[in-house]
Amino acid sequence: MMNRHDQKAILAYAEEKGEVRGEARGIKKSRNEIARNMLGDGVEPVLIARYTKLPLKTIKTLL
């Protein structure tokens, strides 16, 4: 049986991991939105990849 300290440590770890995942998803979503806007403005996919750090393959799926 776990003691209270162990339970708190596990919960804190899970919360932190969830926050990190959420931040990563938000960043990815933002980068995709920026890439779509840049594509709409006629920016070349290679430049979009450079500035957003998205793979060129991902950018091409947004076309």
N, C-alpha and C. Protein backbone atom coordinates (compact mmCIF):
# COMPACT_ATOMS: atom_id res chain seq x y z
N MET A 1 0.84 -1.18 0.00
CA MET A 1 0.00 0.00 0.00
C MET A 1 0.88 1.25 0.00
N MET A 2 0.52 2.23 -0.83
CA MET A 2 1.31 3.46 -0.92
C MET A 2 1.00 4.40 0.24
N ASN A 3 2.04 5.10 0.66
CA ASN A 3 1.79 6.10 1.68
C ASN A 3 1.38 7.42 1.02
N ARG A 4 0.97 8.35 1.80
CA ARG A 4 0.45 9.63 1.31
C ARG A 4 1.51 10.39 0.50
N HIS A 5 2.75 10.34 0.93
CA HIS A 5 3.83 11.03 0.23
C HIS A 5 4.01 10.47 -1.18
N ASP A 6 3.98 9.14 -1.29
CA ASP A 6 4.11 8.50 -2.61
C ASP A 6 2.94 8.88 -3.52
N GLN A 7 1.74 8.90 -2.97
CA GLN A 7 0.56 9.27 -3.75
C GLN A 7 0.67 10.70 -4.27
N LYS A 8 1.13 11.61 -3.42
CA LYS A 8 1.28 13.01 -3.82
C LYS A 8 2.34 13.14 -4.92
N ALA A 9 3.43 12.38 -4.79
CA ALA A 9 4.50 12.43 -5.78
C ALA A 9 4.01 11.92 -7.13
N ILE A 10 3.24 10.85 -7.12
CA ILE A 10 2.70 10.30 -8.36
C ILE A 10 1.74 11.29 -9.00
N LEU A 11 0.89 11.90 -8.21
CA LEU A 11 -0.07 12.87 -8.73
C LEU A 11 0.66 14.09 -9.32
N ALA A 12 1.67 14.57 -8.63
CA ALA A 12 2.44 15.73 -9.12
C ALA A 12 3.12 15.39 -10.44
N TYR A 13 3.66 14.20 -10.54
CA TYR A 13 4.31 13.76 -11.78
C TYR A 13 3.30 13.70 -12.92
N ALA A 14 2.14 13.13 -12.66
CA ALA A 14 1.10 13.01 -13.70
C ALA A 14 0.62 14.39 -14.15
N GLU A 15 0.45 15.30 -13.21
CA GLU A 15 0.01 16.65 -13.56
C GLU A 15 1.05 17.35 -14.43
N GLU A 16 2.31 17.22 -14.04
CA GLU A 16 3.38 17.85 -14.81
C GLU A 16 3.46 17.27 -16.23
N LYS A 17 3.34 15.97 -16.32
CA LYS A 17 3.39 15.31 -17.62
C LYS A 17 2.22 15.77 -18.49
N GLY A 18 1.04 15.91 -17.90
CA GLY A 18 -0.12 16.39 -18.63
C GLY A 18 0.05 17.81 -19.12
N GLU A 19 0.65 18.66 -18.28
CA GLU A 19 0.90 20.04 -18.69
C GLU A 19 1.88 20.10 -19.86
N VAL A 20 2.91 19.30 -19.81
CA VAL A 20 3.90 19.27 -20.89
C VAL A 20 3.25 18.83 -22.19
N ARG A 21 2.43 17.80 -22.11
CA ARG A 21 1.72 17.32 -23.32
C ARG A 21 0.80 18.40 -23.87
N GLY A 22 0.08 19.06 -22.98
CA GLY A 22 -0.84 20.11 -23.41
C GLY A 22 -0.11 21.27 -24.08
N GLU A 23 1.01 21.65 -23.50
CA GLU A 23 1.81 22.73 -24.10
C GLU A 23 2.31 22.32 -25.48
N ALA A 24 2.79 21.10 -25.60
CA ALA A 24 3.30 20.63 -26.89
C ALA A 24 2.19 20.62 -27.94
N ARG A 25 1.00 20.18 -27.55
CA ARG A 25 -0.13 20.18 -28.50
C ARG A 25 -0.49 21.60 -28.92
N GLY A 26 -0.47 22.52 -27.95
CA GLY A 26 -0.78 23.91 -28.26
C GLY A 26 0.23 24.53 -29.21
N ILE A 27 1.49 24.23 -28.99
CA ILE A 27 2.55 24.75 -29.86
C ILE A 27 2.38 24.19 -31.27
N LYS A 28 2.12 22.90 -31.36
CA LYS A 28 1.94 22.28 -32.69
C LYS A 28 0.75 22.88 -33.41
N LYS A 29 -0.34 23.05 -32.69
CA LYS A 29 -1.55 23.64 -33.29
C LYS A 29 -1.26 25.06 -33.78
N SER A 30 -0.55 25.82 -33.00
CA SER A 30 -0.21 27.19 -33.37
C SER A 30 0.68 27.22 -34.61
N ARG A 31 1.67 26.34 -34.64
CA ARG A 31 2.57 26.28 -35.81
C ARG A 31 1.81 25.90 -37.07
N ASN A 32 0.88 24.96 -36.94
CA ASN A 32 0.07 24.57 -38.11
C ASN A 32 -0.78 25.74 -38.59
N GLU A 33 -1.36 26.47 -37.67
CA GLU A 33 -2.17 27.63 -38.04
C GLU A 33 -1.33 28.70 -38.73
N ILE A 34 -0.16 28.95 -38.20
CA ILE A 34 0.75 29.93 -38.82
C ILE A 34 1.13 29.46 -40.22
N ALA A 35 1.43 28.17 -40.36
CA ALA A 35 1.80 27.63 -41.67
C ALA A 35 0.66 27.79 -42.67
N ARG A 36 -0.58 27.50 -42.24
CA ARG A 36 -1.73 27.67 -43.13
C ARG A 36 -1.87 29.13 -43.57
N ASN A 37 -1.70 30.04 -42.64
CA ASN A 37 -1.79 31.47 -42.98
C ASN A 37 -0.70 31.87 -43.96
N MET A 38 0.50 31.38 -43.73
CA MET A 38 1.61 31.70 -44.63
C MET A 38 1.36 31.12 -46.02
N LEU A 39 0.84 29.90 -46.08
CA LEU A 39 0.50 29.30 -47.37
C LEU A 39 -0.55 30.15 -48.09
N GLY A 40 -1.51 30.62 -47.33
CA GLY A 40 -2.55 31.48 -47.89
C GLY A 40 -2.00 32.78 -48.45
N ASP A 41 -0.90 33.23 -47.88
CA ASP A 41 -0.25 34.46 -48.35
C ASP A 41 0.75 34.19 -49.47
N GLY A 42 0.87 32.92 -49.87
CA GLY A 42 1.74 32.59 -50.98
C GLY A 42 3.20 32.34 -50.62
N VAL A 43 3.49 32.15 -49.36
CA VAL A 43 4.87 31.88 -48.94
C VAL A 43 5.23 30.44 -49.34
N GLU A 44 6.44 30.27 -49.82
CA GLU A 44 6.92 28.96 -50.26
C GLU A 44 7.01 27.99 -49.07
N PRO A 45 6.57 26.74 -49.27
CA PRO A 45 6.63 25.75 -48.19
C PRO A 45 8.01 25.59 -47.56
N VAL A 46 9.07 25.70 -48.34
CA VAL A 46 10.42 25.55 -47.79
C VAL A 46 10.70 26.65 -46.75
N LEU A 47 10.26 27.86 -47.02
CA LEU A 47 10.46 28.95 -46.06
C LEU A 47 9.59 28.75 -44.82
N ILE A 48 8.38 28.28 -45.03
CA ILE A 48 7.49 28.01 -43.90
C ILE A 48 8.12 26.98 -42.98
N ALA A 49 8.68 25.93 -43.57
CA ALA A 49 9.35 24.89 -42.78
C ALA A 49 10.49 25.48 -41.96
N ARG A 50 11.25 26.37 -42.58
CA ARG A 50 12.38 26.98 -41.89
C ARG A 50 11.92 27.80 -40.68
N TYR A 51 10.87 28.60 -40.87
CA TYR A 51 10.45 29.52 -39.82
C TYR A 51 9.55 28.88 -38.76
N THR A 52 8.80 27.86 -39.12
CA THR A 52 7.91 27.23 -38.14
C THR A 52 8.51 25.99 -37.50
N LYS A 53 9.59 25.50 -38.08
CA LYS A 53 10.23 24.25 -37.62
C LYS A 53 9.35 23.04 -37.84
N LEU A 54 8.35 23.18 -38.73
CA LEU A 54 7.52 22.04 -39.10
C LEU A 54 8.20 21.29 -40.23
N PRO A 55 8.03 19.97 -40.28
CA PRO A 55 8.58 19.22 -41.41
C PRO A 55 7.87 19.63 -42.70
N LEU A 56 8.61 19.66 -43.77
CA LEU A 56 8.06 20.02 -45.08
C LEU A 56 6.88 19.10 -45.43
N LYS A 57 7.00 17.85 -45.07
CA LYS A 57 5.93 16.88 -45.32
C LYS A 57 4.62 17.33 -44.65
N THR A 58 4.71 17.83 -43.44
CA THR A 58 3.52 18.31 -42.72
C THR A 58 2.92 19.52 -43.43
N ILE A 59 3.78 20.43 -43.87
CA ILE A 59 3.31 21.64 -44.54
C ILE A 59 2.59 21.27 -45.82
N LYS A 60 3.12 20.30 -46.54
CA LYS A 60 2.49 19.91 -47.80
C LYS A 60 1.11 19.30 -47.57
N THR A 61 0.87 18.73 -46.41
CA THR A 61 -0.47 18.19 -46.13
C THR A 61 -1.47 19.30 -45.85
N LEU A 62 -0.99 20.49 -45.57
CA LEU A 62 -1.87 21.62 -45.29
C LEU A 62 -2.31 22.34 -46.55
N LEU A 63 -1.70 22.01 -47.69
CA LEU A 63 -2.04 22.66 -48.96
C LEU A 63 -3.46 22.42 -49.38
